[in-house]
Amino acid sequence: QGLQPDLTLWLDLPVEIGLQRARKRQAATLDRLERATLDFHQRLHEGFAALANQHPQRIHRLDATQSPDILAAEAWEHLTAWLAKREISPTSRTE
């Protein structure tokens, strides 16, 4: 009904690496999407890339091959910049 997120942080990871990480877990814990073919995941990745290119003002690509600490810092930078544009403090609470 025309709803869309104001901000999306896309954790972009090469398909092969993402599947390797998922498949390191026990096969019984993999969901339907994680069991899908490599081709499916490559098409899905291309779809996310196309959306990010179409909506750069709200979809931000983050390189998920970075260390968790660097990735978290980058995500926090995007979030705080987005909040600052709206004059919202990331530490304020609504009552």
PDB file of N, CA and C in Angstrom:
ATOM      1  N   GLN A   1       0.812  -1.175   0.000  1.00  0.00           N
ATOM      2  CA  GLN A   1       0.000   0.000   0.000  1.00  0.00           C
ATOM      3  C   GLN A   1       0.868   1.255   0.000  1.00  0.00           C
ATOM      4  N   GLY A   2       2.016   1.178  -0.676  1.00  0.00           N
ATOM      5  CA  GLY A   2       2.884   2.332  -0.811  1.00  0.00           C
ATOM      6  C   GLY A   2       3.827   2.560   0.352  1.00  0.00           C
ATOM      7  N   LEU A   3       3.820   1.677   1.329  1.00  0.00           N
ATOM      8  CA  LEU A   3       4.726   1.828   2.459  1.00  0.00           C
ATOM      9  C   LEU A   3       6.118   1.352   2.070  1.00  0.00           C
ATOM     10  N   GLN A   4       7.118   2.083   2.545  1.00  0.00           N
ATOM     11  CA  GLN A   4       8.500   1.666   2.338  1.00  0.00           C
ATOM     12  C   GLN A   4       9.337   2.194   3.493  1.00  0.00           C
ATOM     13  N   PRO A   5      10.434   1.536   3.784  1.00  0.00           N
ATOM     14  CA  PRO A   5      11.264   1.992   4.898  1.00  0.00           C
ATOM     15  C   PRO A   5      11.914   3.334   4.585  1.00  0.00           C
ATOM     16  N   ASP A   6      12.152   4.125   5.619  1.00  0.00           N
ATOM     17  CA  ASP A   6      12.854   5.395   5.461  1.00  0.00           C
ATOM     18  C   ASP A   6      14.353   5.169   5.287  1.00  0.00           C
ATOM     19  N   LEU A   7      14.860   4.114   5.911  1.00  0.00           N
ATOM     20  CA  LEU A   7      16.284   3.810   5.865  1.00  0.00           C
ATOM     21  C   LEU A   7      16.478   2.304   5.836  1.00  0.00           C
ATOM     22  N   THR A   8      17.297   1.852   4.927  1.00  0.00           N
ATOM     23  CA  THR A   8      17.671   0.439   4.856  1.00  0.00           C
ATOM     24  C   THR A   8      19.184   0.362   4.821  1.00  0.00           C
ATOM     25  N   LEU A   9      19.768  -0.415   5.715  1.00  0.00           N
ATOM     26  CA  LEU A   9      21.202  -0.679   5.687  1.00  0.00           C
ATOM     27  C   LEU A   9      21.371  -2.082   5.111  1.00  0.00           C
ATOM     28  N   TRP A  10      21.882  -2.127   3.881  1.00  0.00           N
ATOM     29  CA  TRP A  10      22.059  -3.406   3.174  1.00  0.00           C
ATOM     30  C   TRP A  10      23.448  -3.935   3.475  1.00  0.00           C
ATOM     31  N   LEU A  11      23.517  -5.043   4.182  1.00  0.00           N
ATOM     32  CA  LEU A  11      24.792  -5.684   4.484  1.00  0.00           C
ATOM     33  C   LEU A  11      25.155  -6.556   3.298  1.00  0.00           C
ATOM     34  N   ASP A  12      25.928  -5.983   2.393  1.00  0.00           N
ATOM     35  CA  ASP A  12      26.259  -6.629   1.124  1.00  0.00           C
ATOM     36  C   ASP A  12      27.446  -7.558   1.299  1.00  0.00           C
ATOM     37  N   LEU A  13      27.232  -8.794   0.937  1.00  0.00           N
ATOM     38  CA  LEU A  13      28.243  -9.831   1.054  1.00  0.00           C
ATOM     39  C   LEU A  13      28.215 -10.667  -0.221  1.00  0.00           C
ATOM     40  N   PRO A  14      29.366 -11.012  -0.791  1.00  0.00           N
ATOM     41  CA  PRO A  14      29.328 -11.894  -1.958  1.00  0.00           C
ATOM     42  C   PRO A  14      28.520 -13.159  -1.647  1.00  0.00           C
ATOM     43  N   VAL A  15      27.740 -13.572  -2.610  1.00  0.00           N
ATOM     44  CA  VAL A  15      26.821 -14.700  -2.421  1.00  0.00           C
ATOM     45  C   VAL A  15      27.541 -15.938  -1.909  1.00  0.00           C
ATOM     46  N   GLU A  16      28.667 -16.242  -2.486  1.00  0.00           N
ATOM     47  CA  GLU A  16      29.384 -17.459  -2.101  1.00  0.00           C
ATOM     48  C   GLU A  16      29.784 -17.433  -0.630  1.00  0.00           C
ATOM     49  N   ILE A  17      30.246 -16.272  -0.167  1.00  0.00           N
ATOM     50  CA  ILE A  17      30.658 -16.150   1.233  1.00  0.00           C
ATOM     51  C   ILE A  17      29.450 -16.289   2.156  1.00  0.00           C
ATOM     52  N   GLY A  18      28.351 -15.650   1.797  1.00  0.00           N
ATOM     53  CA  GLY A  18      27.143 -15.756   2.610  1.00  0.00           C
ATOM     54  C   GLY A  18      26.650 -17.188   2.722  1.00  0.00           C
ATOM     55  N   LEU A  19      26.662 -17.895   1.604  1.00  0.00           N
ATOM     56  CA  LEU A  19      26.215 -19.290   1.633  1.00  0.00           C
ATOM     57  C   LEU A  19      27.175 -20.165   2.431  1.00  0.00           C
ATOM     58  N   GLN A  20      28.472 -19.905   2.320  1.00  0.00           N
ATOM     59  CA  GLN A  20      29.447 -20.667   3.113  1.00  0.00           C
ATOM     60  C   GLN A  20      29.188 -20.477   4.603  1.00  0.00           C
ATOM     61  N   ARG A  21      28.934 -19.224   4.991  1.00  0.00           N
ATOM     62  CA  ARG A  21      28.664 -18.946   6.403  1.00  0.00           C
ATOM     63  C   ARG A  21      27.398 -19.670   6.864  1.00  0.00           C
ATOM     64  N   ALA A  22      26.352 -19.602   6.060  1.00  0.00           N
ATOM     65  CA  ALA A  22      25.090 -20.242   6.437  1.00  0.00           C
ATOM     66  C   ALA A  22      25.250 -21.751   6.527  1.00  0.00           C
ATOM     67  N   ARG A  23      25.992 -22.309   5.612  1.00  0.00           N
ATOM     68  CA  ARG A  23      26.103 -23.771   5.552  1.00  0.00           C
ATOM     69  C   ARG A  23      27.088 -24.333   6.568  1.00  0.00           C
ATOM     70  N   LYS A  24      27.815 -23.477   7.265  1.00  0.00           N
ATOM     71  CA  LYS A  24      28.676 -23.948   8.351  1.00  0.00           C
ATOM     72  C   LYS A  24      27.827 -24.424   9.530  1.00  0.00           C
ATOM     73  N   ARG A  25      26.604 -23.890   9.601  1.00  0.00           N
ATOM     74  CA  ARG A  25      25.686 -24.347  10.642  1.00  0.00           C
ATOM     75  C   ARG A  25      25.196 -25.739  10.260  1.00  0.00           C
ATOM     76  N   GLN A  26      24.559 -26.396  11.171  1.00  0.00           N
ATOM     77  CA  GLN A  26      24.017 -27.720  10.878  1.00  0.00           C
ATOM     78  C   GLN A  26      22.941 -27.611   9.810  1.00  0.00           C
ATOM     79  N   ALA A  27      22.910 -28.563   8.898  1.00  0.00           N
ATOM     80  CA  ALA A  27      21.952 -28.549   7.798  1.00  0.00           C
ATOM     81  C   ALA A  27      20.507 -28.474   8.297  1.00  0.00           C
ATOM     82  N   ALA A  28      20.235 -29.035   9.445  1.00  0.00           N
ATOM     83  CA  ALA A  28      18.869 -29.028   9.977  1.00  0.00           C
ATOM     84  C   ALA A  28      18.401 -27.620  10.338  1.00  0.00           C
ATOM     85  N   THR A  29      19.337 -26.693  10.558  1.00  0.00           N
ATOM     86  CA  THR A  29      18.948 -25.336  10.955  1.00  0.00           C
ATOM     87  C   THR A  29      18.789 -24.405   9.761  1.00  0.00           C
ATOM     88  N   LEU A  30      19.137 -24.844   8.563  1.00  0.00           N
ATOM     89  CA  LEU A  30      19.011 -23.994   7.386  1.00  0.00           C
ATOM     90  C   LEU A  30      17.544 -23.843   7.007  1.00  0.00           C
ATOM     91  N   ASP A  31      17.151 -22.597   6.701  1.00  0.00           N
ATOM     92  CA  ASP A  31      15.772 -22.392   6.284  1.00  0.00           C
ATOM     93  C   ASP A  31      15.646 -22.573   4.770  1.00  0.00           C
ATOM     94  N   ARG A  32      14.448 -22.407   4.272  1.00  0.00           N
ATOM     95  CA  ARG A  32      14.167 -22.636   2.851  1.00  0.00           C
ATOM     96  C   ARG A  32      15.042 -21.754   1.965  1.00  0.00           C
ATOM     97  N   LEU A  33      15.207 -20.500   2.320  1.00  0.00           N
ATOM     98  CA  LEU A  33      16.023 -19.602   1.502  1.00  0.00           C
ATOM     99  C   LEU A  33      17.498 -19.992   1.523  1.00  0.00           C
ATOM    100  N   GLU A  34      18.000 -20.381   2.686  1.00  0.00           N
ATOM    101  CA  GLU A  34      19.401 -20.777   2.788  1.00  0.00           C
ATOM    102  C   GLU A  34      19.695 -22.058   2.011  1.00  0.00           C
ATOM    103  N   ARG A  35      18.677 -22.871   1.775  1.00  0.00           N
ATOM    104  CA  ARG A  35      18.866 -24.114   1.004  1.00  0.00           C
ATOM    105  C   ARG A  35      18.695 -23.893  -0.489  1.00  0.00           C
ATOM    106  N   ALA A  36      18.313 -22.684  -0.906  1.00  0.00           N
ATOM    107  CA  ALA A  36      18.085 -22.394  -2.331  1.00  0.00           C
ATOM    108  C   ALA A  36      19.406 -22.444  -3.104  1.00  0.00           C
ATOM    109  N   THR A  37      19.294 -22.503  -4.427  1.00  0.00           N
ATOM    110  CA  THR A  37      20.468 -22.659  -5.292  1.00  0.00           C
ATOM    111  C   THR A  37      21.311 -21.390  -5.336  1.00  0.00           C
ATOM    112  N   LEU A  38      22.551 -21.553  -5.750  1.00  0.00           N
ATOM    113  CA  LEU A  38      23.463 -20.429  -5.933  1.00  0.00           C
ATOM    114  C   LEU A  38      22.883 -19.432  -6.936  1.00  0.00           C
ATOM    115  N   ASP A  39      22.296 -19.938  -8.008  1.00  0.00           N
ATOM    116  CA  ASP A  39      21.693 -19.061  -9.021  1.00  0.00           C
ATOM    117  C   ASP A  39      20.597 -18.184  -8.413  1.00  0.00           C
ATOM    118  N   PHE A  40      19.761 -18.781  -7.573  1.00  0.00           N
ATOM    119  CA  PHE A  40      18.706 -18.016  -6.904  1.00  0.00           C
ATOM    120  C   PHE A  40      19.313 -16.878  -6.091  1.00  0.00           C
ATOM    121  N   HIS A  41      20.346 -17.183  -5.314  1.00  0.00           N
ATOM    122  CA  HIS A  41      20.975 -16.182  -4.459  1.00  0.00           C
ATOM    123  C   HIS A  41      21.674 -15.091  -5.275  1.00  0.00           C
ATOM    124  N   GLN A  42      22.240 -15.464  -6.398  1.00  0.00           N
ATOM    125  CA  GLN A  42      22.875 -14.451  -7.257  1.00  0.00           C
ATOM    126  C   GLN A  42      21.823 -13.503  -7.828  1.00  0.00           C
ATOM    127  N   ARG A  43      20.680 -14.031  -8.240  1.00  0.00           N
ATOM    128  CA  ARG A  43      19.596 -13.169  -8.738  1.00  0.00           C
ATOM    129  C   ARG A  43      19.056 -12.273  -7.626  1.00  0.00           C
ATOM    130  N   LEU A  44      18.938 -12.815  -6.446  1.00  0.00           N
ATOM    131  CA  LEU A  44      18.483 -12.038  -5.298  1.00  0.00           C
ATOM    132  C   LEU A  44      19.457 -10.891  -5.004  1.00  0.00           C
ATOM    133  N   HIS A  45      20.740 -11.193  -5.031  1.00  0.00           N
ATOM    134  CA  HIS A  45      21.772 -10.174  -4.808  1.00  0.00           C
ATOM    135  C   HIS A  45      21.684  -9.081  -5.871  1.00  0.00           C
ATOM    136  N   GLU A  46      21.501  -9.474  -7.114  1.00  0.00           N
ATOM    137  CA  GLU A  46      21.359  -8.493  -8.199  1.00  0.00           C
ATOM    138  C   GLU A  46      20.126  -7.616  -7.978  1.00  0.00           C
ATOM    139  N   GLY A  47      19.059  -8.209  -7.469  1.00  0.00           N
ATOM    140  CA  GLY A  47      17.857  -7.440  -7.176  1.00  0.00           C
ATOM    141  C   GLY A  47      18.088  -6.407  -6.082  1.00  0.00           C
ATOM    142  N   PHE A  48      18.801  -6.804  -5.026  1.00  0.00           N
ATOM    143  CA  PHE A  48      19.124  -5.854  -3.967  1.00  0.00           C
ATOM    144  C   PHE A  48      20.010  -4.729  -4.494  1.00  0.00           C
ATOM    145  N   ALA A  49      20.978  -5.078  -5.334  1.00  0.00           N
ATOM    146  CA  ALA A  49      21.865  -4.060  -5.911  1.00  0.00           C
ATOM    147  C   ALA A  49      21.067  -3.080  -6.768  1.00  0.00           C
ATOM    148  N   ALA A  50      20.123  -3.590  -7.550  1.00  0.00           N
ATOM    149  CA  ALA A  50      19.296  -2.719  -8.393  1.00  0.00           C
ATOM    150  C   ALA A  50      18.458  -1.776  -7.533  1.00  0.00           C
ATOM    151  N   LEU A  51      17.876  -2.299  -6.463  1.00  0.00           N
ATOM    152  CA  LEU A  51      17.089  -1.447  -5.561  1.00  0.00           C
ATOM    153  C   LEU A  51      17.964  -0.370  -4.921  1.00  0.00           C
ATOM    154  N   ALA A  52      19.167  -0.742  -4.505  1.00  0.00           N
ATOM    155  CA  ALA A  52      20.072   0.232  -3.886  1.00  0.00           C
ATOM    156  C   ALA A  52      20.444   1.321  -4.889  1.00  0.00           C
ATOM    157  N   ASN A  53      20.628   0.956  -6.148  1.00  0.00           N
ATOM    158  CA  ASN A  53      20.949   1.941  -7.187  1.00  0.00           C
ATOM    159  C   ASN A  53      19.756   2.847  -7.484  1.00  0.00           C
ATOM    160  N   GLN A  54      18.552   2.308  -7.403  1.00  0.00           N
ATOM    161  CA  GLN A  54      17.346   3.088  -7.674  1.00  0.00           C
ATOM    162  C   GLN A  54      16.986   4.021  -6.526  1.00  0.00           C
ATOM    163  N   HIS A  55      17.385   3.667  -5.306  1.00  0.00           N
ATOM    164  CA  HIS A  55      16.981   4.425  -4.116  1.00  0.00           C
ATOM    165  C   HIS A  55      18.180   4.739  -3.217  1.00  0.00           C
ATOM    166  N   PRO A  56      19.187   5.430  -3.755  1.00  0.00           N
ATOM    167  CA  PRO A  56      20.392   5.677  -2.945  1.00  0.00           C
ATOM    168  C   PRO A  56      20.132   6.567  -1.730  1.00  0.00           C
ATOM    169  N   GLN A  57      19.055   7.337  -1.739  1.00  0.00           N
ATOM    170  CA  GLN A  57      18.747   8.217  -0.620  1.00  0.00           C
ATOM    171  C   GLN A  57      18.258   7.439   0.598  1.00  0.00           C
ATOM    172  N   ARG A  58      17.769   6.210   0.402  1.00  0.00           N
ATOM    173  CA  ARG A  58      17.255   5.457   1.544  1.00  0.00           C
ATOM    174  C   ARG A  58      17.869   4.076   1.721  1.00  0.00           C
ATOM    175  N   ILE A  59      18.554   3.554   0.693  1.00  0.00           N
ATOM    176  CA  ILE A  59      19.197   2.238   0.818  1.00  0.00           C
ATOM    177  C   ILE A  59      20.703   2.445   0.752  1.00  0.00           C
ATOM    178  N   HIS A  60      21.366   2.097   1.845  1.00  0.00           N
ATOM    179  CA  HIS A  60      22.811   2.291   1.934  1.00  0.00           C
ATOM    180  C   HIS A  60      23.509   0.937   1.973  1.00  0.00           C
ATOM    181  N   ARG A  61      24.426   0.744   1.043  1.00  0.00           N
ATOM    182  CA  ARG A  61      25.181  -0.501   0.960  1.00  0.00           C
ATOM    183  C   ARG A  61      26.355  -0.448   1.926  1.00  0.00           C
ATOM    184  N   LEU A  62      26.452  -1.480   2.756  1.00  0.00           N
ATOM    185  CA  LEU A  62      27.585  -1.621   3.659  1.00  0.00           C
ATOM    186  C   LEU A  62      28.344  -2.883   3.270  1.00  0.00           C
ATOM    187  N   ASP A  63      29.648  -2.781   3.204  1.00  0.00           N
ATOM    188  CA  ASP A  63      30.491  -3.910   2.828  1.00  0.00           C
ATOM    189  C   ASP A  63      30.582  -4.884   4.000  1.00  0.00           C
ATOM    190  N   ALA A  64      29.853  -5.980   3.907  1.00  0.00           N
ATOM    191  CA  ALA A  64      29.776  -6.949   5.006  1.00  0.00           C
ATOM    192  C   ALA A  64      30.970  -7.892   5.057  1.00  0.00           C
ATOM    193  N   THR A  65      31.977  -7.667   4.208  1.00  0.00           N
ATOM    194  CA  THR A  65      33.199  -8.469   4.323  1.00  0.00           C
ATOM    195  C   THR A  65      34.141  -7.867   5.361  1.00  0.00           C
ATOM    196  N   GLN A  66      33.825  -6.673   5.838  1.00  0.00           N
ATOM    197  CA  GLN A  66      34.645  -6.022   6.847  1.00  0.00           C
ATOM    198  C   GLN A  66      34.483  -6.721   8.193  1.00  0.00           C
ATOM    199  N   SER A  67      35.367  -6.390   9.113  1.00  0.00           N
ATOM    200  CA  SER A  67      35.257  -6.966  10.458  1.00  0.00           C
ATOM    201  C   SER A  67      33.948  -6.490  11.090  1.00  0.00           C
ATOM    202  N   PRO A  68      33.405  -7.272  12.019  1.00  0.00           N
ATOM    203  CA  PRO A  68      32.169  -6.862  12.675  1.00  0.00           C
ATOM    204  C   PRO A  68      32.263  -5.482  13.330  1.00  0.00           C
ATOM    205  N   ASP A  69      33.404  -5.153  13.926  1.00  0.00           N
ATOM    206  CA  ASP A  69      33.555  -3.851  14.576  1.00  0.00           C
ATOM    207  C   ASP A  69      33.509  -2.707  13.572  1.00  0.00           C
ATOM    208  N   ILE A  70      34.188  -2.865  12.455  1.00  0.00           N
ATOM    209  CA  ILE A  70      34.181  -1.825  11.429  1.00  0.00           C
ATOM    210  C   ILE A  70      32.796  -1.702  10.819  1.00  0.00           C
ATOM    211  N   LEU A  71      32.165  -2.822  10.547  1.00  0.00           N
ATOM    212  CA  LEU A  71      30.818  -2.817   9.976  1.00  0.00           C
ATOM    213  C   LEU A  71      29.825  -2.137  10.930  1.00  0.00           C
ATOM    214  N   ALA A  72      29.918  -2.449  12.206  1.00  0.00           N
ATOM    215  CA  ALA A  72      29.030  -1.830  13.191  1.00  0.00           C
ATOM    216  C   ALA A  72      29.265  -0.319  13.254  1.00  0.00           C
ATOM    217  N   ALA A  73      30.517   0.108  13.204  1.00  0.00           N
ATOM    218  CA  ALA A  73      30.821   1.542  13.238  1.00  0.00           C
ATOM    219  C   ALA A  73      30.262   2.248  12.005  1.00  0.00           C
ATOM    220  N   GLU A  74      30.404   1.621  10.859  1.00  0.00           N
ATOM    221  CA  GLU A  74      29.873   2.203   9.621  1.00  0.00           C
ATOM    222  C   GLU A  74      28.346   2.286   9.672  1.00  0.00           C
ATOM    223  N   ALA A  75      27.705   1.240  10.175  1.00  0.00           N
ATOM    224  CA  ALA A  75      26.245   1.244  10.296  1.00  0.00           C
ATOM    225  C   ALA A  75      25.811   2.360  11.247  1.00  0.00           C
ATOM    226  N   TRP A  76      26.526   2.513  12.363  1.00  0.00           N
ATOM    227  CA  TRP A  76      26.193   3.551  13.329  1.00  0.00           C
ATOM    228  C   TRP A  76      26.344   4.939  12.699  1.00  0.00           C
ATOM    229  N   GLU A  77      27.385   5.131  11.893  1.00  0.00           N
ATOM    230  CA  GLU A  77      27.582   6.411  11.204  1.00  0.00           C
ATOM    231  C   GLU A  77      26.391   6.736  10.304  1.00  0.00           C
ATOM    232  N   HIS A  78      25.944   5.763   9.532  1.00  0.00           N
ATOM    233  CA  HIS A  78      24.787   5.982   8.647  1.00  0.00           C
ATOM    234  C   HIS A  78      23.533   6.304   9.459  1.00  0.00           C
ATOM    235  N   LEU A  79      23.328   5.560  10.535  1.00  0.00           N
ATOM    236  CA  LEU A  79      22.141   5.769  11.350  1.00  0.00           C
ATOM    237  C   LEU A  79      22.158   7.139  12.017  1.00  0.00           C
ATOM    238  N   THR A  80      23.279   7.514  12.610  1.00  0.00           N
ATOM    239  CA  THR A  80      23.329   8.807  13.287  1.00  0.00           C
ATOM    240  C   THR A  80      23.214   9.959  12.295  1.00  0.00           C
ATOM    241  N   ALA A  81      23.775   9.822  11.104  1.00  0.00           N
ATOM    242  CA  ALA A  81      23.622  10.860  10.078  1.00  0.00           C
ATOM    243  C   ALA A  81      22.161  10.982   9.660  1.00  0.00           C
ATOM    244  N   TRP A  82      21.500   9.846   9.493  1.00  0.00           N
ATOM    245  CA  TRP A  82      20.088   9.851   9.118  1.00  0.00           C
ATOM    246  C   TRP A  82      19.249  10.507  10.214  1.00  0.00           C
ATOM    247  N   LEU A  83      19.529  10.168  11.480  1.00  0.00           N
ATOM    248  CA  LEU A  83      18.794  10.760  12.594  1.00  0.00           C
ATOM    249  C   LEU A  83      19.063  12.260  12.701  1.00  0.00           C
ATOM    250  N   ALA A  84      20.297  12.677  12.476  1.00  0.00           N
ATOM    251  CA  ALA A  84      20.647  14.096  12.564  1.00  0.00           C
ATOM    252  C   ALA A  84      19.876  14.916  11.532  1.00  0.00           C
ATOM    253  N   LYS A  85      19.687  14.365  10.343  1.00  0.00           N
ATOM    254  CA  LYS A  85      18.921  15.066   9.312  1.00  0.00           C
ATOM    255  C   LYS A  85      17.487  15.296   9.763  1.00  0.00           C
ATOM    256  N   ARG A  86      17.007  14.450  10.638  1.00  0.00           N
ATOM    257  CA  ARG A  86      15.641  14.565  11.141  1.00  0.00           C
ATOM    258  C   ARG A  86      15.599  15.192  12.523  1.00  0.00           C
ATOM    259  N   GLU A  87      16.780  15.656  12.975  1.00  0.00           N
ATOM    260  CA  GLU A  87      16.918  16.282  14.290  1.00  0.00           C
ATOM    261  C   GLU A  87      16.426  15.374  15.404  1.00  0.00           C
ATOM    262  N   ILE A  88      16.830  14.109  15.321  1.00  0.00           N
ATOM    263  CA  ILE A  88      16.495  13.116  16.337  1.00  0.00           C
ATOM    264  C   ILE A  88      17.811  12.656  16.969  1.00  0.00           C
ATOM    265  N   SER A  89      17.888  12.665  18.260  1.00  0.00           N
ATOM    266  CA  SER A  89      19.081  12.194  18.944  1.00  0.00           C
ATOM    267  C   SER A  89      19.016  10.674  19.082  1.00  0.00           C
ATOM    268  N   PRO A  90      20.114   9.972  18.757  1.00  0.00           N
ATOM    269  CA  PRO A  90      20.086   8.502  18.894  1.00  0.00           C
ATOM    270  C   PRO A  90      19.987   8.057  20.339  1.00  0.00           C
ATOM    271  N   THR A  91      20.219   8.972  21.283  1.00  0.00           N
ATOM    272  CA  THR A  91      20.139   8.588  22.698  1.00  0.00           C
ATOM    273  C   THR A  91      18.888   9.104  23.373  1.00  0.00           C
ATOM    274  N   SER A  92      18.073   9.888  22.652  1.00  0.00           N
ATOM    275  CA  SER A  92      16.846  10.395  23.270  1.00  0.00           C
ATOM    276  C   SER A  92      15.785   9.294  23.315  1.00  0.00           C
ATOM    277  N   ARG A  93      14.897   9.423  24.278  1.00  0.00           N
ATOM    278  CA  ARG A  93      13.814   8.444  24.420  1.00  0.00           C
ATOM    279  C   ARG A  93      12.506   9.174  24.346  1.00  0.00           C
ATOM    280  N   THR A  94      11.544   8.527  23.717  1.00  0.00           N
ATOM    281  CA  THR A  94      10.208   9.096  23.704  1.00  0.00           C
ATOM    282  C   THR A  94       9.438   8.552  24.894  1.00  0.00           C
ATOM    283  N   GLU A  95       8.636   9.349  25.489  1.00  0.00           N
ATOM    284  CA  GLU A  95       7.892   8.923  26.687  1.00  0.00           C
ATOM    285  C   GLU A  95       6.487   8.539  26.289  1.00  0.00           C
TER     286      GLU A  95
END
